[in-house]
Amino acid sequence: MARAVTAKRKAINTAIAWTIGLLIFFPILWTILTSFKTEAEAIASPPSLLFFDWTLENYAVVQERSNYMRFLWNSVIIAVGSTLLGIIIAVPAAWSMAFVPSKRTKDILLWMLSTKMLPAVGVLYPIYLIFIRMGLLDSRVGLVVVLMLINLPIIVWMLYTYFKEIPGEILEAARMDGATLRSEIIYVLTPMAIPGIASTVLLNIILAWNEAFWTLNLTAANAAPLTAFIASYSSPEGLFYAKLSAASTMAIAPILILGWFSQKQLVRGLTFGAVK
């Protein structure tokens, strides 16, 4: 029998949740506020939170200095492309592990997850040489492939978890009705796992969008995404905090909007199969 939650307990939990949420969001809020300050006000001590001369000068300078839309378009292509490519590869892999498991399935899953623990710098040099030889350096295609491989273990793990919650009897019934393996995956399995697949897509778009190490080391100009756009405002001459904050705000705005409008779908997918 579920234990009743008192009003006091609910109020305490709500206060704790809001406190944690505000602490997490505060750096983003501070970045947004700093983007509307002058350079002098951005480094003023003590800093001012709301009472300062608001200005759009930093955004005007950033727009004049950089081609924001080119960086944005590169980020969209790289994030969406790597995620869709990962989904195409991960769905059959997760299906086989969930519905046709072998005695090595768990070992394979753990091995895939262990690759995320490998320091990225440890494989930078060989990948850099491969990219040079194959002509993929500073190309969208190269970044799509790299980011897909980086996030593939997470995609497979998440889809595997969702697929395990789908009754195998449904797939067996589809086979008895004459469904081929391709039809079973596309027309039976995929529609039933739409919430899980959607949350996996959203999460991996966010991960690919925020990836900085590979995008900064494998691009120069042509395929540079918004992470390179932000880094361009850190120079040997010093940090221009107001302009850097404006560039950061412009870079994170699309993904913040996406996360805001898709939060229900994301939470629903992430809790798919959880103990209720």
Protein backbone atom coordinates (compact mmCIF):
# COMPACT_ATOMS: atom_id res chain seq x y z
CA MET A 1 0.00 0.00 0.00
CA ALA A 2 1.41 3.37 -1.01
CA ARG A 3 2.31 5.70 1.83
CA ALA A 4 0.40 8.98 1.85
CA VAL A 5 2.48 12.08 1.26
CA THR A 6 1.70 14.92 3.67
CA ALA A 7 1.35 18.52 2.50
CA LYS A 8 4.46 19.48 4.48
CA ARG A 9 6.50 16.73 2.88
CA LYS A 10 5.27 17.75 -0.58
CA ALA A 11 6.20 21.39 0.08
CA ILE A 12 9.70 20.38 1.23
CA ASN A 13 10.22 18.20 -1.84
CA THR A 14 9.02 21.01 -4.10
CA ALA A 15 11.37 23.52 -2.44
CA ILE A 16 14.32 21.13 -2.78
CA ALA A 17 13.50 20.46 -6.45
CA TRP A 18 13.24 24.19 -7.23
CA THR A 19 16.50 24.90 -5.40
CA ILE A 20 18.37 22.22 -7.34
CA GLY A 21 16.80 23.37 -10.60
CA LEU A 22 17.76 27.01 -10.01
CA LEU A 23 21.33 26.04 -9.09
CA ILE A 24 21.64 24.05 -12.31
CA PHE A 25 20.09 26.81 -14.44
CA PHE A 26 21.91 29.74 -12.80
CA PRO A 27 25.10 29.55 -14.98
CA ILE A 28 22.91 29.68 -18.09
CA LEU A 29 20.93 32.61 -16.67
CA TRP A 30 24.15 34.43 -15.77
CA THR A 31 25.50 33.90 -19.30
CA ILE A 32 22.32 35.31 -20.82
CA LEU A 33 22.37 38.36 -18.51
CA THR A 34 26.08 38.99 -19.18
CA SER A 35 25.39 39.02 -22.91
CA PHE A 36 23.34 42.21 -22.41
CA LYS A 37 26.10 44.01 -20.49
CA THR A 38 29.00 46.10 -21.71
CA GLU A 39 32.49 44.64 -21.36
CA ALA A 40 33.12 46.94 -18.39
CA GLU A 41 29.96 45.86 -16.60
CA ALA A 42 30.67 42.19 -17.37
CA ILE A 43 33.85 42.27 -15.26
CA ALA A 44 32.61 44.75 -12.65
CA SER A 45 33.02 43.82 -8.99
CA PRO A 46 30.67 43.37 -7.30
CA PRO A 47 28.63 42.19 -10.28
CA SER A 48 25.14 43.50 -10.95
CA LEU A 49 22.38 40.98 -11.53
CA LEU A 50 19.56 42.98 -13.11
CA PHE A 51 20.27 46.67 -12.52
CA PHE A 52 22.64 47.65 -15.33
CA ASP A 53 22.43 49.39 -18.69
CA TRP A 54 21.02 46.73 -21.01
CA THR A 55 22.48 46.74 -24.50
CA LEU A 56 22.28 44.69 -27.70
CA GLU A 57 25.70 45.85 -28.86
CA ASN A 58 27.34 42.47 -28.22
CA TYR A 59 24.84 40.67 -30.44
CA ALA A 60 25.36 43.23 -33.19
CA VAL A 61 29.15 42.80 -32.99
CA VAL A 62 28.88 39.01 -33.01
CA GLN A 63 26.55 39.06 -36.03
CA GLU A 64 28.86 41.46 -37.86
CA ARG A 65 32.01 39.50 -37.09
CA SER A 66 30.75 35.95 -37.64
CA ASN A 67 28.42 34.17 -40.04
CA TYR A 68 26.14 32.74 -37.37
CA MET A 69 23.78 30.98 -39.78
CA ARG A 70 26.63 28.99 -41.33
CA PHE A 71 27.73 27.71 -37.92
CA LEU A 72 24.11 26.99 -37.00
CA TRP A 73 23.47 25.05 -40.20
CA ASN A 74 26.61 22.98 -39.64
CA SER A 75 25.48 22.14 -36.09
CA VAL A 76 22.03 21.10 -37.31
CA ILE A 77 23.42 18.85 -40.05
CA ILE A 78 26.03 17.26 -37.77
CA ALA A 79 23.74 16.71 -34.76
CA VAL A 80 20.71 15.44 -36.71
CA GLY A 81 22.78 13.47 -39.22
CA SER A 82 24.87 11.64 -36.61
CA THR A 83 21.75 10.84 -34.56
CA LEU A 84 19.74 9.46 -37.50
CA LEU A 85 22.69 7.40 -38.71
CA GLY A 86 23.13 6.04 -35.19
CA ILE A 87 19.42 5.14 -34.98
CA ILE A 88 19.57 3.28 -38.30
CA ILE A 89 22.48 1.17 -37.04
CA ALA A 90 21.30 0.82 -33.42
CA VAL A 91 17.71 -0.35 -34.02
CA PRO A 92 18.70 -3.71 -35.61
CA ALA A 93 21.52 -4.13 -33.07
CA ALA A 94 19.22 -3.47 -30.10
CA TRP A 95 16.54 -5.74 -31.62
CA SER A 96 18.97 -8.66 -31.87
CA MET A 97 20.21 -8.17 -28.30
CA ALA A 98 16.70 -7.81 -26.88
CA PHE A 99 14.88 -10.58 -28.75
CA VAL A 100 17.63 -12.95 -29.93
CA PRO A 101 20.13 -12.73 -27.05
CA SER A 102 23.20 -14.91 -26.77
CA LYS A 103 25.28 -15.75 -23.74
CA ARG A 104 27.65 -12.91 -24.73
CA THR A 105 24.98 -10.23 -25.11
CA LYS A 106 25.53 -8.64 -21.70
CA ASP A 107 29.30 -8.76 -22.20
CA ILE A 108 28.93 -6.97 -25.53
CA LEU A 109 26.69 -4.31 -23.97
CA LEU A 110 29.18 -3.73 -21.15
CA TRP A 111 32.05 -3.57 -23.63
CA MET A 112 30.19 -0.99 -25.72
CA LEU A 113 29.51 1.11 -22.64
CA SER A 114 33.14 0.80 -21.51
CA THR A 115 34.27 2.56 -24.71
CA LYS A 116 32.64 5.73 -23.32
CA MET A 117 35.20 5.62 -20.48
CA LEU A 118 38.11 5.89 -22.92
CA PRO A 119 39.66 9.39 -22.92
CA ALA A 120 38.90 10.99 -26.27
CA VAL A 121 42.41 12.38 -26.54
CA GLY A 122 43.72 8.80 -26.51
CA VAL A 123 42.31 8.14 -29.99
CA LEU A 124 42.56 11.66 -31.41
CA TYR A 125 45.89 11.11 -33.18
CA PRO A 126 44.94 7.95 -35.13
CA ILE A 127 41.53 9.38 -36.08
CA TYR A 128 43.19 12.62 -37.15
CA LEU A 129 45.57 10.70 -39.43
CA ILE A 130 42.70 8.62 -40.86
CA PHE A 131 40.76 11.79 -41.60
CA ILE A 132 43.74 13.33 -43.40
CA ARG A 133 44.25 10.23 -45.55
CA MET A 134 40.56 9.92 -46.41
CA GLY A 135 40.02 13.64 -47.00
CA LEU A 136 37.46 13.93 -44.20
CA LEU A 137 39.21 16.62 -42.18
CA ASP A 138 37.04 19.73 -41.78
CA SER A 139 34.04 18.00 -43.39
CA ARG A 140 30.49 17.47 -42.19
CA VAL A 141 30.57 13.83 -43.26
CA GLY A 142 33.59 13.14 -41.08
CA LEU A 143 32.02 14.75 -38.02
CA VAL A 144 28.72 12.92 -38.59
CA VAL A 145 30.54 9.58 -38.60
CA VAL A 146 32.69 10.38 -35.56
CA LEU A 147 29.82 11.69 -33.42
CA MET A 148 27.68 8.72 -34.45
CA LEU A 149 30.38 6.31 -33.28
CA ILE A 150 30.84 8.23 -30.03
CA ASN A 151 27.15 8.18 -29.14
CA LEU A 152 26.32 4.75 -30.60
CA PRO A 153 26.82 2.88 -27.27
CA ILE A 154 24.30 5.18 -25.57
CA ILE A 155 21.81 4.79 -28.42
CA VAL A 156 22.08 0.99 -28.37
CA TRP A 157 21.76 0.82 -24.58
CA MET A 158 18.69 3.05 -24.51
CA LEU A 159 16.94 1.23 -27.36
CA TYR A 160 17.83 -2.13 -25.84
CA THR A 161 16.17 -1.06 -22.58
CA TYR A 162 13.01 0.06 -24.40
CA PHE A 163 12.83 -3.05 -26.60
CA LYS A 164 13.13 -5.34 -23.57
CA GLU A 165 9.82 -3.93 -22.30
CA ILE A 166 7.97 -4.96 -25.48
CA PRO A 167 6.38 -8.44 -25.20
CA GLY A 168 8.10 -10.89 -27.51
CA GLU A 169 4.76 -12.60 -28.18
CA ILE A 170 3.71 -9.65 -30.33
CA LEU A 171 6.69 -10.13 -32.62
CA GLU A 172 6.07 -13.88 -32.72
CA ALA A 173 2.49 -13.22 -33.80
CA ALA A 174 3.77 -10.99 -36.58
CA ARG A 175 6.10 -13.75 -37.76
CA MET A 176 3.23 -16.24 -37.77
CA ASP A 177 1.30 -13.82 -39.98
CA GLY A 178 4.15 -13.95 -42.47
CA ALA A 179 6.07 -10.80 -41.55
CA THR A 180 9.66 -10.72 -42.71
CA LEU A 181 12.47 -9.56 -40.42
CA ARG A 182 12.48 -6.17 -42.14
CA SER A 183 8.71 -5.79 -41.79
CA GLU A 184 8.86 -6.92 -38.17
CA ILE A 185 11.37 -4.23 -37.25
CA ILE A 186 9.88 -1.40 -39.32
CA TYR A 187 6.12 -1.99 -39.00
CA VAL A 188 5.76 -3.78 -35.66
CA LEU A 189 8.70 -3.03 -33.36
CA THR A 190 9.44 0.59 -34.29
CA PRO A 191 5.87 1.97 -33.87
CA MET A 192 5.59 0.34 -30.44
CA ALA A 193 8.87 1.91 -29.30
CA ILE A 194 8.21 5.41 -30.66
CA PRO A 195 8.39 7.07 -27.18
CA GLY A 196 11.73 5.44 -26.46
CA ILE A 197 13.13 6.14 -29.91
CA ALA A 198 11.99 9.77 -29.74
CA SER A 199 13.66 10.35 -26.37
CA THR A 200 16.82 8.63 -27.65
CA VAL A 201 16.85 10.92 -30.71
CA LEU A 202 16.34 14.04 -28.59
CA LEU A 203 19.01 13.11 -26.05
CA ASN A 204 21.60 12.29 -28.70
CA ILE A 205 20.87 15.46 -30.67
CA ILE A 206 21.65 17.37 -27.47
CA LEU A 207 24.86 15.35 -26.89
CA ALA A 208 26.02 15.88 -30.48
CA TRP A 209 25.09 19.58 -30.38
CA ASN A 210 27.18 20.13 -27.25
CA GLU A 211 30.19 18.06 -28.36
CA ALA A 212 33.24 20.32 -28.33
CA PHE A 213 36.39 18.16 -28.28
CA TRP A 214 35.96 16.51 -31.68
CA THR A 215 34.37 19.48 -33.41
CA LEU A 216 37.22 21.77 -32.37
CA ASN A 217 39.99 19.33 -33.30
CA LEU A 218 38.60 17.99 -36.58
CA THR A 219 37.31 21.22 -38.12
CA ALA A 220 38.78 24.54 -39.15
CA ALA A 221 36.29 26.61 -41.13
CA ASN A 222 34.09 24.73 -43.61
CA ALA A 223 32.36 22.33 -41.18
CA ALA A 224 32.82 24.30 -37.97
CA PRO A 225 29.67 24.12 -35.79
CA LEU A 226 28.51 26.44 -33.00
CA THR A 227 31.09 25.09 -30.53
CA ALA A 228 33.79 26.54 -32.79
CA PHE A 229 31.72 29.71 -33.08
CA ILE A 230 31.89 30.11 -29.28
CA ALA A 231 35.61 29.24 -29.12
CA SER A 232 36.41 31.94 -31.68
CA TYR A 233 35.67 34.57 -29.02
CA SER A 234 38.44 33.26 -26.77
CA SER A 235 41.66 34.79 -28.07
CA PRO A 236 45.27 35.35 -26.88
CA GLU A 237 44.36 39.01 -26.41
CA GLY A 238 42.02 38.01 -23.60
CA LEU A 239 38.46 37.00 -22.90
CA PHE A 240 35.72 39.40 -23.95
CA TYR A 241 33.12 38.13 -21.52
CA ALA A 242 30.14 40.08 -22.83
CA LYS A 243 30.70 39.09 -26.46
CA LEU A 244 31.58 35.53 -25.44
CA SER A 245 28.32 35.37 -23.48
CA ALA A 246 26.37 36.70 -26.47
CA ALA A 247 27.92 34.06 -28.72
CA SER A 248 27.20 31.35 -26.13
CA THR A 249 23.59 32.47 -25.79
CA MET A 250 23.10 32.35 -29.55
CA ALA A 251 24.66 28.88 -29.63
CA ILE A 252 22.58 27.34 -26.85
CA ALA A 253 19.28 29.07 -27.72
CA PRO A 254 18.14 26.51 -30.35
CA ILE A 255 18.82 23.50 -28.14
CA LEU A 256 17.21 25.19 -25.12
CA ILE A 257 14.07 25.82 -27.15
CA LEU A 258 14.08 22.23 -28.42
CA GLY A 259 14.51 20.90 -24.89
CA TRP A 260 11.73 23.12 -23.54
CA PHE A 261 9.13 22.06 -26.09
CA SER A 262 10.11 18.38 -26.01
CA GLN A 263 10.60 17.95 -22.26
CA LYS A 264 7.42 15.89 -21.79
CA GLN A 265 8.40 13.52 -24.58
CA LEU A 266 11.95 13.32 -23.25
CA VAL A 267 10.84 12.50 -19.70
CA ARG A 268 8.26 10.03 -20.95
CA GLY A 269 10.88 8.22 -23.00
CA LEU A 270 13.52 8.24 -20.28
CA THR A 271 11.04 6.70 -17.80
CA PHE A 272 9.75 4.17 -20.34
CA GLY A 273 9.83 0.79 -18.64
CA ALA A 274 10.61 2.21 -15.21
CA VAL A 275 8.99 0.73 -12.13
CA LYS A 276 5.81 2.65 -11.48
